[in-house]
């Protein structure tokens, strides 16, 4: 009797079709947040690590001539630390910039690029000092942006604004190229300073 009473009470009020309609945006929202959180978790640790690319490409060198082998090892080192590292770091910069552009209502693209590159460069410099500090810096902005999204609900966001943001990024291609040169140069300087520091430390240890 009680079950029949409850069924009668909700009959005509609740429906499976309506429940599915309500659940659709919730499921999409949860999936989006999970994907975003996992991406941030994986990538912020990646970008905040001093030696990002763990694979030692030099091990693939199998030259029988020692001089040639040393040259190949050096080329692989250049490939790892001067080309691959900065490019991967630059991907993080593009990701930061895209998030800021999509979530910002009034700031200019140039200002957002400047802020994004400052965050990325600060993260990379901090990684050479303390990787834990670099991780804190790298995850602060994405989590803050997630908080902004949850609070504001992106009431000003629309497909048109997203398309306009993408176009604005493409129009700033020169700035993007300059920033790429900057991050490559920064990584080179950091590697040189690390090399000098390790040599000084080694000589002090020997002495």
Protein backbone atom coordinates (compact mmCIF):
# COMPACT_ATOMS: atom_id res chain seq x y z
CA UNK A 1 0.00 0.00 0.00
CA UNK A 2 2.77 2.39 0.92
CA UNK A 3 4.58 1.71 -2.37
CA UNK A 4 1.41 2.30 -4.35
CA UNK A 5 0.83 5.52 -2.43
CA UNK A 6 4.36 6.77 -3.20
CA UNK A 7 4.02 5.79 -6.89
CA UNK A 8 0.73 7.60 -7.11
CA UNK A 9 2.21 10.64 -5.40
CA UNK A 10 4.99 11.00 -7.98
CA UNK A 11 3.04 9.74 -10.97
CA UNK A 12 2.76 12.47 -13.54
CA UNK A 13 5.43 14.52 -11.73
CA UNK A 14 8.65 12.58 -12.44
CA UNK A 15 9.60 10.87 -15.68
CA UNK A 16 12.55 8.96 -17.06
CA UNK A 17 12.75 11.25 -20.08
CA UNK A 18 12.98 14.34 -17.89
CA UNK A 19 15.57 12.64 -15.67
CA UNK A 20 17.73 11.92 -18.72
CA UNK A 21 17.44 15.52 -19.85
CA UNK A 22 18.54 16.72 -16.41
CA UNK A 23 21.40 14.21 -16.25
CA UNK A 24 22.88 15.00 -19.66
CA UNK A 25 24.50 18.36 -18.77
CA UNK A 26 25.58 16.97 -15.39
CA UNK A 27 27.35 14.00 -16.99
CA UNK A 28 28.99 16.26 -19.58
CA UNK A 29 30.09 18.67 -16.87
CA UNK A 30 31.55 15.88 -14.70
CA UNK A 31 33.40 14.31 -17.65
CA UNK A 32 34.80 17.70 -18.64
CA UNK A 33 36.01 18.44 -15.11
CA UNK A 34 37.59 14.99 -14.74
CA UNK A 35 39.41 15.28 -18.07
CA UNK A 36 40.56 18.79 -17.18
CA UNK A 37 41.73 17.73 -13.70
CA UNK A 38 43.63 14.68 -15.00
CA UNK A 39 45.26 16.76 -17.73
CA UNK A 40 46.35 19.41 -15.24
CA UNK A 41 47.59 16.78 -12.78
CA UNK A 42 49.70 15.05 -15.41
CA UNK A 43 50.97 18.10 -17.26
CA UNK A 44 51.77 20.44 -14.37
CA UNK A 45 54.10 17.81 -12.90
CA UNK A 46 55.60 17.36 -16.33
CA UNK A 47 56.29 21.05 -16.93
CA UNK A 48 57.59 21.60 -13.39
CA UNK A 49 60.23 18.86 -13.69
CA UNK A 50 63.73 20.09 -14.38
CA UNK A 51 64.60 17.23 -16.73
CA UNK A 52 61.29 16.85 -18.52
CA UNK A 53 62.29 14.35 -21.15
CA UNK A 54 63.42 11.25 -19.26
CA UNK A 55 64.33 9.19 -22.32
CA UNK A 56 68.07 9.27 -22.88
CA UNK A 57 68.32 9.40 -26.64
CA UNK A 58 72.07 9.03 -26.46
CA UNK A 59 71.70 5.35 -25.61
CA UNK A 60 70.59 4.76 -29.18
CA UNK A 61 74.04 5.72 -30.36
CA UNK A 62 76.02 2.61 -31.29
CA UNK A 63 79.02 4.10 -33.04
CA UNK A 64 82.27 2.12 -32.95
CA UNK A 65 84.32 5.28 -33.20
CA UNK A 66 84.56 7.13 -29.91
CA UNK A 67 84.85 10.61 -31.45
CA UNK A 68 81.82 10.06 -33.64
CA UNK A 69 79.93 8.64 -30.69
CA UNK A 70 80.71 11.69 -28.55
CA UNK A 71 79.52 13.95 -31.35
CA UNK A 72 76.29 11.99 -31.65
CA UNK A 73 75.79 12.11 -27.88
CA UNK A 74 76.23 15.88 -28.00
CA UNK A 75 73.71 16.19 -30.84
CA UNK A 76 71.22 14.10 -28.88
CA UNK A 77 71.76 16.32 -25.85
CA UNK A 78 71.02 19.38 -27.98
CA UNK A 79 67.92 17.67 -29.34
CA UNK A 80 66.65 16.81 -25.87
CA UNK A 81 67.40 19.97 -23.94
CA UNK A 82 67.46 22.72 -26.52
CA UNK A 83 64.69 21.65 -28.90
CA UNK A 84 62.33 19.08 -27.36
CA UNK A 85 62.19 20.57 -23.85
CA UNK A 86 61.37 24.12 -25.00
CA UNK A 87 58.78 22.86 -27.50
CA UNK A 88 56.97 20.87 -24.82
CA UNK A 89 57.13 23.86 -22.52
CA UNK A 90 55.73 26.00 -25.31
CA UNK A 91 52.74 23.66 -25.62
CA UNK A 92 51.98 24.44 -21.98
CA UNK A 93 52.21 28.16 -22.80
CA UNK A 94 49.68 27.77 -25.63
CA UNK A 95 47.39 25.84 -23.30
CA UNK A 96 47.63 28.57 -20.63
CA UNK A 97 47.00 31.29 -23.20
CA UNK A 98 43.98 29.54 -24.68
CA UNK A 99 42.43 29.08 -21.25
CA UNK A 100 42.96 32.71 -20.34
CA UNK A 101 41.60 33.98 -23.64
CA UNK A 102 38.49 31.81 -23.38
CA UNK A 103 37.86 32.83 -19.78
CA UNK A 104 38.81 36.49 -19.98
CA UNK A 105 36.20 39.07 -20.84
CA UNK A 106 38.13 42.32 -21.13
CA UNK A 107 41.90 41.72 -21.21
CA UNK A 108 43.77 42.04 -24.50
CA UNK A 109 45.32 38.95 -26.08
CA UNK A 110 48.77 40.52 -25.86
CA UNK A 111 48.41 40.98 -22.08
CA UNK A 112 47.18 37.43 -21.65
CA UNK A 113 50.11 36.09 -23.70
CA UNK A 114 52.48 38.10 -21.52
CA UNK A 115 50.93 36.71 -18.33
CA UNK A 116 50.98 33.13 -19.65
CA UNK A 117 54.61 33.28 -20.71
CA UNK A 118 55.58 34.84 -17.38
CA UNK A 119 53.93 31.89 -15.57
CA UNK A 120 55.62 29.32 -17.82
CA UNK A 121 59.05 30.97 -17.58
CA UNK A 122 58.74 31.31 -13.81
CA UNK A 123 57.82 27.63 -13.59
CA UNK A 124 60.83 26.55 -15.65
CA UNK A 125 63.24 28.75 -13.69
CA UNK A 126 61.80 27.50 -10.40
CA UNK A 127 62.22 23.89 -11.59
CA UNK A 128 65.98 24.39 -11.60
CA UNK A 129 65.85 25.70 -8.05
CA UNK A 130 63.16 23.53 -6.47
CA UNK A 131 60.77 21.27 -8.35
CA UNK A 132 58.19 21.36 -5.56
CA UNK A 133 57.99 25.16 -5.87
CA UNK A 134 57.65 24.82 -9.64
CA UNK A 135 54.75 22.39 -9.23
CA UNK A 136 52.91 24.81 -6.98
CA UNK A 137 53.32 27.59 -9.53
CA UNK A 138 52.32 25.37 -12.47
CA UNK A 139 49.08 24.17 -10.92
CA UNK A 140 47.92 27.48 -9.40
CA UNK A 141 46.69 29.11 -12.60
CA UNK A 142 44.73 26.14 -14.04
CA UNK A 143 43.00 25.47 -10.72
CA UNK A 144 42.23 29.17 -10.33
CA UNK A 145 40.70 29.20 -13.79
CA UNK A 146 38.60 26.18 -12.88
CA UNK A 147 37.38 28.08 -9.82
CA UNK A 148 36.47 31.08 -12.00
CA UNK A 149 34.56 28.77 -14.31
CA UNK A 150 32.59 27.26 -11.41
CA UNK A 151 31.78 30.66 -9.87
CA UNK A 152 30.91 32.66 -12.97
CA UNK A 153 29.49 29.86 -15.05
CA UNK A 154 31.04 31.62 -18.06
CA UNK A 155 27.91 33.65 -18.67
CA UNK A 156 29.78 35.63 -21.30
CA UNK A 157 31.13 32.54 -23.10
CA UNK A 158 29.67 31.56 -26.47
CA UNK A 159 30.77 29.69 -29.61
CA UNK A 160 31.18 33.07 -31.31
CA UNK A 161 33.52 34.33 -28.59
CA UNK A 162 35.50 31.06 -28.76
CA UNK A 163 35.92 31.47 -32.53
CA UNK A 164 36.98 35.08 -32.05
CA UNK A 165 39.53 33.97 -29.43
CA UNK A 166 41.02 31.41 -31.83
CA UNK A 167 41.28 34.03 -34.56
CA UNK A 168 42.97 36.44 -32.16
CA UNK A 169 45.56 33.78 -31.30
CA UNK A 170 46.35 33.25 -34.98
CA UNK A 171 46.71 36.99 -35.52
CA UNK A 172 49.36 37.10 -32.80
CA UNK A 173 51.59 34.56 -34.55
CA UNK A 174 54.61 36.88 -34.49
CA UNK A 175 54.39 37.25 -30.72
CA UNK A 176 54.07 33.48 -30.43
CA UNK A 177 57.24 32.98 -32.49
CA UNK A 178 59.14 35.53 -30.37
CA UNK A 179 58.01 33.79 -27.19
CA UNK A 180 59.14 30.46 -28.63
CA UNK A 181 62.60 31.94 -29.21
CA UNK A 182 62.51 33.29 -25.68
CA UNK A 183 61.69 29.95 -24.06
CA UNK A 184 64.39 28.21 -26.13
CA UNK A 185 66.93 30.84 -25.06
CA UNK A 186 65.81 30.57 -21.46
CA UNK A 187 66.27 26.80 -21.43
CA UNK A 188 69.75 27.18 -22.95
CA UNK A 189 70.77 29.72 -20.29
CA UNK A 190 69.37 27.54 -17.50
CA UNK A 191 71.26 24.49 -18.82
CA UNK A 192 74.51 26.48 -19.02
CA UNK A 193 74.05 27.77 -15.46
CA UNK A 194 73.29 24.24 -14.25
CA UNK A 195 76.42 22.96 -15.98
CA UNK A 196 78.56 25.68 -14.35
CA UNK A 197 76.99 25.03 -10.95
CA UNK A 198 77.60 21.27 -11.18
CA UNK A 199 81.22 21.83 -12.19
CA UNK A 200 81.83 24.19 -9.29
CA UNK A 201 80.13 21.78 -6.92
CA UNK A 202 82.18 18.85 -8.27
CA UNK A 203 85.47 20.78 -7.91
CA UNK A 204 84.61 21.72 -4.33
CA UNK A 205 83.80 18.08 -3.60
CA UNK A 206 87.12 16.93 -5.09
CA UNK A 207 89.01 19.60 -3.20
